[in-house]
């Protein structure tokens, strides 16, 4: 070569970009599902997509990462850092996958299904926050009803339904 860098895009680069994009797309889609096994599979696909992205960023395969005592052309050697990062990513992905599989198995053993359910306590907190916001707007506080004899001041029980989600009307 005469010192110029070849900036043409070859078929392997386009193919790898499509494959990495496809792995990321499918991985994110699976992670947004309610099934724990789909979440684990999505995480695995994201890990594989990240490994491929790091290896593609390393440059042309087959070139030595270090040139011993030879003059260095910047376009000549492969970058060893993405290879080391891909190896680290493989180890981290394996460890997290094992942990997520253990969590999914425990959830399946305890509940009999691998579907992530809504948390009832989160719904109750959300309802309480919405009611607190409406009390601030109407000028009342907890236990201080507009007519003076509410749940905090009298012997009447609180008949409000705390088990419904926002938007659930019976």
C-alpha atoms as a PDB file:
ATOM      1  CA  UNK A   1       0.000   0.000   0.000  1.00  0.00           C
ATOM      2  CA  UNK A   2       1.046   3.572  -0.478  1.00  0.00           C
ATOM      3  CA  UNK A   3      -0.084   4.777   2.973  1.00  0.00           C
ATOM      4  CA  UNK A   4      -3.761   5.350   2.146  1.00  0.00           C
ATOM      5  CA  UNK A   5      -6.515   3.736   4.129  1.00  0.00           C
ATOM      6  CA  UNK A   6      -9.154   1.748   2.253  1.00  0.00           C
ATOM      7  CA  UNK A   7     -12.564   3.128   3.352  1.00  0.00           C
ATOM      8  CA  UNK A   8     -14.764   0.891   1.217  1.00  0.00           C
ATOM      9  CA  UNK A   9     -17.552  -1.034   2.909  1.00  0.00           C
ATOM     10  CA  UNK A  10     -17.418  -4.745   2.281  1.00  0.00           C
ATOM     11  CA  UNK A  11     -20.218  -7.270   2.479  1.00  0.00           C
ATOM     12  CA  UNK A  12     -19.009  -8.706   5.806  1.00  0.00           C
ATOM     13  CA  UNK A  13     -19.321  -5.311   7.524  1.00  0.00           C
ATOM     14  CA  UNK A  14     -22.889  -4.814   6.307  1.00  0.00           C
ATOM     15  CA  UNK A  15     -23.835  -8.389   7.217  1.00  0.00           C
ATOM     16  CA  UNK A  16     -22.382  -8.061  10.704  1.00  0.00           C
ATOM     17  CA  UNK A  17     -24.164  -4.723  11.220  1.00  0.00           C
ATOM     18  CA  UNK A  18     -27.479  -6.345  10.270  1.00  0.00           C
ATOM     19  CA  UNK A  19     -26.818  -9.373  12.504  1.00  0.00           C
ATOM     20  CA  UNK A  20     -25.814  -7.224  15.499  1.00  0.00           C
ATOM     21  CA  UNK A  21     -28.844  -4.957  14.974  1.00  0.00           C
ATOM     22  CA  UNK A  22     -31.118  -7.985  14.686  1.00  0.00           C
ATOM     23  CA  UNK A  23     -29.728  -9.540  17.883  1.00  0.00           C
ATOM     24  CA  UNK A  24     -30.203  -6.269  19.770  1.00  0.00           C
ATOM     25  CA  UNK A  25     -33.744  -5.825  18.416  1.00  0.00           C
ATOM     26  CA  UNK A  26     -34.885  -9.345  19.256  1.00  0.00           C
ATOM     27  CA  UNK A  27     -33.097  -9.247  22.621  1.00  0.00           C
ATOM     28  CA  UNK A  28     -34.780  -6.005  23.694  1.00  0.00           C
ATOM     29  CA  UNK A  29     -38.156  -7.260  22.463  1.00  0.00           C
ATOM     30  CA  UNK A  30     -37.819 -10.452  24.516  1.00  0.00           C
ATOM     31  CA  UNK A  31     -36.712  -8.533  27.617  1.00  0.00           C
ATOM     32  CA  UNK A  32     -39.941  -6.505  27.509  1.00  0.00           C
ATOM     33  CA  UNK A  33     -42.086  -9.648  27.821  1.00  0.00           C
ATOM     34  CA  UNK A  34     -43.728 -10.944  31.023  1.00  0.00           C
ATOM     35  CA  UNK A  35     -42.247 -14.466  30.893  1.00  0.00           C
ATOM     36  CA  UNK A  36     -39.017 -14.913  32.858  1.00  0.00           C
ATOM     37  CA  UNK A  37     -37.609 -17.392  30.332  1.00  0.00           C
ATOM     38  CA  UNK A  38     -38.134 -14.876  27.528  1.00  0.00           C
ATOM     39  CA  UNK A  39     -36.357 -12.251  29.625  1.00  0.00           C
ATOM     40  CA  UNK A  40     -33.415 -14.617  30.135  1.00  0.00           C
ATOM     41  CA  UNK A  41     -33.299 -15.464  26.406  1.00  0.00           C
ATOM     42  CA  UNK A  42     -33.419 -11.747  25.567  1.00  0.00           C
ATOM     43  CA  UNK A  43     -30.510 -11.115  27.917  1.00  0.00           C
ATOM     44  CA  UNK A  44     -28.535 -13.930  26.261  1.00  0.00           C
ATOM     45  CA  UNK A  45     -29.183 -12.469  22.800  1.00  0.00           C
ATOM     46  CA  UNK A  46     -28.096  -9.022  23.989  1.00  0.00           C
ATOM     47  CA  UNK A  47     -24.887 -10.561  25.318  1.00  0.00           C
ATOM     48  CA  UNK A  48     -24.171 -12.274  21.991  1.00  0.00           C
ATOM     49  CA  UNK A  49     -24.919  -9.066  20.097  1.00  0.00           C
ATOM     50  CA  UNK A  50     -22.524  -7.149  22.336  1.00  0.00           C
ATOM     51  CA  UNK A  51     -19.785  -9.738  21.814  1.00  0.00           C
ATOM     52  CA  UNK A  52     -20.177  -9.569  18.042  1.00  0.00           C
ATOM     53  CA  UNK A  53     -20.163  -5.763  18.129  1.00  0.00           C
ATOM     54  CA  UNK A  54     -16.941  -5.749  20.144  1.00  0.00           C
ATOM     55  CA  UNK A  55     -15.264  -8.250  17.829  1.00  0.00           C
ATOM     56  CA  UNK A  56     -16.298  -6.302  14.720  1.00  0.00           C
ATOM     57  CA  UNK A  57     -14.894  -3.139  16.310  1.00  0.00           C
ATOM     58  CA  UNK A  58     -11.505  -4.912  16.597  1.00  0.00           C
ATOM     59  CA  UNK A  59     -10.785  -4.568  12.904  1.00  0.00           C
ATOM     60  CA  UNK A  60     -10.038  -7.026  10.165  1.00  0.00           C
ATOM     61  CA  UNK A  61      -9.681 -10.557  11.522  1.00  0.00           C
ATOM     62  CA  UNK A  62      -6.443 -12.446  10.998  1.00  0.00           C
ATOM     63  CA  UNK A  63      -4.069  -9.550  11.575  1.00  0.00           C
ATOM     64  CA  UNK A  64      -1.706  -9.751  14.534  1.00  0.00           C
ATOM     65  CA  UNK A  65      -2.596  -7.475  17.467  1.00  0.00           C
ATOM     66  CA  UNK A  66       1.039  -6.661  18.244  1.00  0.00           C
ATOM     67  CA  UNK A  67       3.854  -6.259  15.724  1.00  0.00           C
ATOM     68  CA  UNK A  68       7.146  -7.153  17.378  1.00  0.00           C
ATOM     69  CA  UNK A  69       9.884  -4.761  16.283  1.00  0.00           C
ATOM     70  CA  UNK A  70       8.356  -3.991  12.907  1.00  0.00           C
ATOM     71  CA  UNK A  71       7.315  -0.539  11.726  1.00  0.00           C
ATOM     72  CA  UNK A  72       3.671   0.024  12.617  1.00  0.00           C
ATOM     73  CA  UNK A  73       1.148   1.054   9.993  1.00  0.00           C
ATOM     74  CA  UNK A  74      -2.073   2.203  11.774  1.00  0.00           C
ATOM     75  CA  UNK A  75      -4.219   0.245   9.315  1.00  0.00           C
ATOM     76  CA  UNK A  76      -2.158  -2.921   9.715  1.00  0.00           C
ATOM     77  CA  UNK A  77      -2.522  -4.401  13.240  1.00  0.00           C
ATOM     78  CA  UNK A  78      -5.742  -5.502  14.902  1.00  0.00           C
ATOM     79  CA  UNK A  79      -6.762  -3.754  18.112  1.00  0.00           C
ATOM     80  CA  UNK A  80      -6.427  -6.137  21.108  1.00  0.00           C
ATOM     81  CA  UNK A  81      -8.677  -4.095  23.413  1.00  0.00           C
ATOM     82  CA  UNK A  82     -12.021  -5.158  21.831  1.00  0.00           C
ATOM     83  CA  UNK A  83     -10.895  -8.784  22.017  1.00  0.00           C
ATOM     84  CA  UNK A  84     -10.167  -8.454  25.733  1.00  0.00           C
ATOM     85  CA  UNK A  85     -13.473  -6.640  26.290  1.00  0.00           C
ATOM     86  CA  UNK A  86     -15.352  -9.382  24.411  1.00  0.00           C
ATOM     87  CA  UNK A  87     -13.741 -12.013  26.621  1.00  0.00           C
ATOM     88  CA  UNK A  88     -14.757 -10.055  29.717  1.00  0.00           C
ATOM     89  CA  UNK A  89     -18.271  -9.648  28.315  1.00  0.00           C
ATOM     90  CA  UNK A  90     -18.547 -13.412  27.796  1.00  0.00           C
ATOM     91  CA  UNK A  91     -17.658 -14.067  31.440  1.00  0.00           C
ATOM     92  CA  UNK A  92     -20.079 -11.409  32.741  1.00  0.00           C
ATOM     93  CA  UNK A  93     -22.893 -12.628  30.471  1.00  0.00           C
ATOM     94  CA  UNK A  94     -22.377 -16.213  31.630  1.00  0.00           C
ATOM     95  CA  UNK A  95     -22.461 -15.235  35.308  1.00  0.00           C
ATOM     96  CA  UNK A  96     -25.577 -13.077  34.967  1.00  0.00           C
ATOM     97  CA  UNK A  97     -27.311 -15.722  32.856  1.00  0.00           C
ATOM     98  CA  UNK A  98     -26.696 -18.338  35.552  1.00  0.00           C
ATOM     99  CA  UNK A  99     -28.043 -15.939  38.194  1.00  0.00           C
ATOM    100  CA  UNK A 100     -31.158 -15.091  36.121  1.00  0.00           C
ATOM    101  CA  UNK A 101     -31.790 -18.782  35.454  1.00  0.00           C
ATOM    102  CA  UNK A 102     -31.632 -19.476  39.195  1.00  0.00           C
ATOM    103  CA  UNK A 103     -34.104 -16.648  39.867  1.00  0.00           C
ATOM    104  CA  UNK A 104     -36.453 -17.894  37.137  1.00  0.00           C
ATOM    105  CA  UNK A 105     -36.291 -21.453  38.509  1.00  0.00           C
ATOM    106  CA  UNK A 106     -37.014 -20.261  42.047  1.00  0.00           C
ATOM    107  CA  UNK A 107     -39.934 -18.165  40.853  1.00  0.00           C
ATOM    108  CA  UNK A 108     -41.320 -21.119  38.893  1.00  0.00           C
ATOM    109  CA  UNK A 109     -40.986 -23.424  41.919  1.00  0.00           C
ATOM    110  CA  UNK A 110     -42.716 -20.924  44.236  1.00  0.00           C
ATOM    111  CA  UNK A 111     -45.537 -19.770  41.966  1.00  0.00           C
ATOM    112  CA  UNK A 112     -45.887 -22.564  39.410  1.00  0.00           C
ATOM    113  CA  UNK A 113     -45.505 -20.182  36.469  1.00  0.00           C
ATOM    114  CA  UNK A 114     -42.771 -18.052  34.997  1.00  0.00           C
ATOM    115  CA  UNK A 115     -44.935 -15.009  34.361  1.00  0.00           C
ATOM    116  CA  UNK A 116     -44.067 -11.793  36.183  1.00  0.00           C
ATOM    117  CA  UNK A 117     -47.206 -10.551  37.904  1.00  0.00           C
ATOM    118  CA  UNK A 118     -48.132  -7.040  38.921  1.00  0.00           C
ATOM    119  CA  UNK A 119     -47.170  -6.153  42.456  1.00  0.00           C
ATOM    120  CA  UNK A 120     -50.291  -5.498  44.547  1.00  0.00           C
ATOM    121  CA  UNK A 121     -48.356  -3.350  47.025  1.00  0.00           C
ATOM    122  CA  UNK A 122     -47.187  -1.058  44.187  1.00  0.00           C
ATOM    123  CA  UNK A 123     -50.805  -0.582  43.170  1.00  0.00           C
ATOM    124  CA  UNK A 124     -51.783   0.317  46.738  1.00  0.00           C
ATOM    125  CA  UNK A 125     -48.973   2.847  47.029  1.00  0.00           C
ATOM    126  CA  UNK A 126     -49.976   4.383  43.691  1.00  0.00           C
ATOM    127  CA  UNK A 127     -53.606   4.679  44.823  1.00  0.00           C
ATOM    128  CA  UNK A 128     -52.535   6.231  48.123  1.00  0.00           C
ATOM    129  CA  UNK A 129     -50.377   8.776  46.288  1.00  0.00           C
ATOM    130  CA  UNK A 130     -53.225   9.627  43.918  1.00  0.00           C
ATOM    131  CA  UNK A 131     -55.622  10.091  46.807  1.00  0.00           C
ATOM    132  CA  UNK A 132     -53.087  12.222  48.670  1.00  0.00           C
ATOM    133  CA  UNK A 133     -52.793  14.402  45.577  1.00  0.00           C
ATOM    134  CA  UNK A 134     -56.583  14.756  45.314  1.00  0.00           C
ATOM    135  CA  UNK A 135     -56.795  15.573  49.051  1.00  0.00           C
ATOM    136  CA  UNK A 136     -54.288  18.387  48.565  1.00  0.00           C
ATOM    137  CA  UNK A 137     -56.379  19.768  45.728  1.00  0.00           C
ATOM    138  CA  UNK A 138     -59.634  19.610  47.748  1.00  0.00           C
ATOM    139  CA  UNK A 139     -57.961  21.034  50.867  1.00  0.00           C
ATOM    140  CA  UNK A 140     -58.516  18.028  53.163  1.00  0.00           C
ATOM    141  CA  UNK A 141     -55.945  15.928  55.007  1.00  0.00           C
ATOM    142  CA  UNK A 142     -55.889  12.328  56.242  1.00  0.00           C
ATOM    143  CA  UNK A 143     -58.539  11.855  58.906  1.00  0.00           C
ATOM    144  CA  UNK A 144     -59.998  15.284  58.181  1.00  0.00           C
ATOM    145  CA  UNK A 145     -63.062  14.915  56.000  1.00  0.00           C
ATOM    146  CA  UNK A 146     -64.881  18.033  54.786  1.00  0.00           C
ATOM    147  CA  UNK A 147     -67.865  17.320  57.070  1.00  0.00           C
ATOM    148  CA  UNK A 148     -65.628  16.756  60.144  1.00  0.00           C
ATOM    149  CA  UNK A 149     -66.413  13.116  60.933  1.00  0.00           C
ATOM    150  CA  UNK A 150     -64.193  10.888  58.813  1.00  0.00           C
ATOM    151  CA  UNK A 151     -62.139   7.769  59.379  1.00  0.00           C
ATOM    152  CA  UNK A 152     -59.616   9.541  61.595  1.00  0.00           C
ATOM    153  CA  UNK A 153     -62.054  11.463  63.761  1.00  0.00           C
ATOM    154  CA  UNK A 154     -64.938   9.065  64.387  1.00  0.00           C
ATOM    155  CA  UNK A 155     -65.783   5.424  64.816  1.00  0.00           C
ATOM    156  CA  UNK A 156     -66.764   4.911  61.166  1.00  0.00           C
ATOM    157  CA  UNK A 157     -64.680   2.384  59.248  1.00  0.00           C
ATOM    158  CA  UNK A 158     -62.946   3.407  56.058  1.00  0.00           C
ATOM    159  CA  UNK A 159     -65.086   1.978  53.212  1.00  0.00           C
ATOM    160  CA  UNK A 160     -62.721   2.948  50.398  1.00  0.00           C
ATOM    161  CA  UNK A 161     -61.539   0.044  48.240  1.00  0.00           C
ATOM    162  CA  UNK A 162     -57.735  -0.118  48.541  1.00  0.00           C
ATOM    163  CA  UNK A 163     -57.340  -3.225  46.364  1.00  0.00           C
ATOM    164  CA  UNK A 164     -58.142  -1.766  42.960  1.00  0.00           C
ATOM    165  CA  UNK A 165     -55.643  -0.464  40.488  1.00  0.00           C
ATOM    166  CA  UNK A 166     -55.785   3.025  39.027  1.00  0.00           C
ATOM    167  CA  UNK A 167     -58.407   3.054  36.329  1.00  0.00           C
ATOM    168  CA  UNK A 168     -60.244  -0.001  37.716  1.00  0.00           C
ATOM    169  CA  UNK A 169     -63.772   1.062  38.527  1.00  0.00           C
ATOM    170  CA  UNK A 170     -66.319  -1.340  39.906  1.00  0.00           C
END
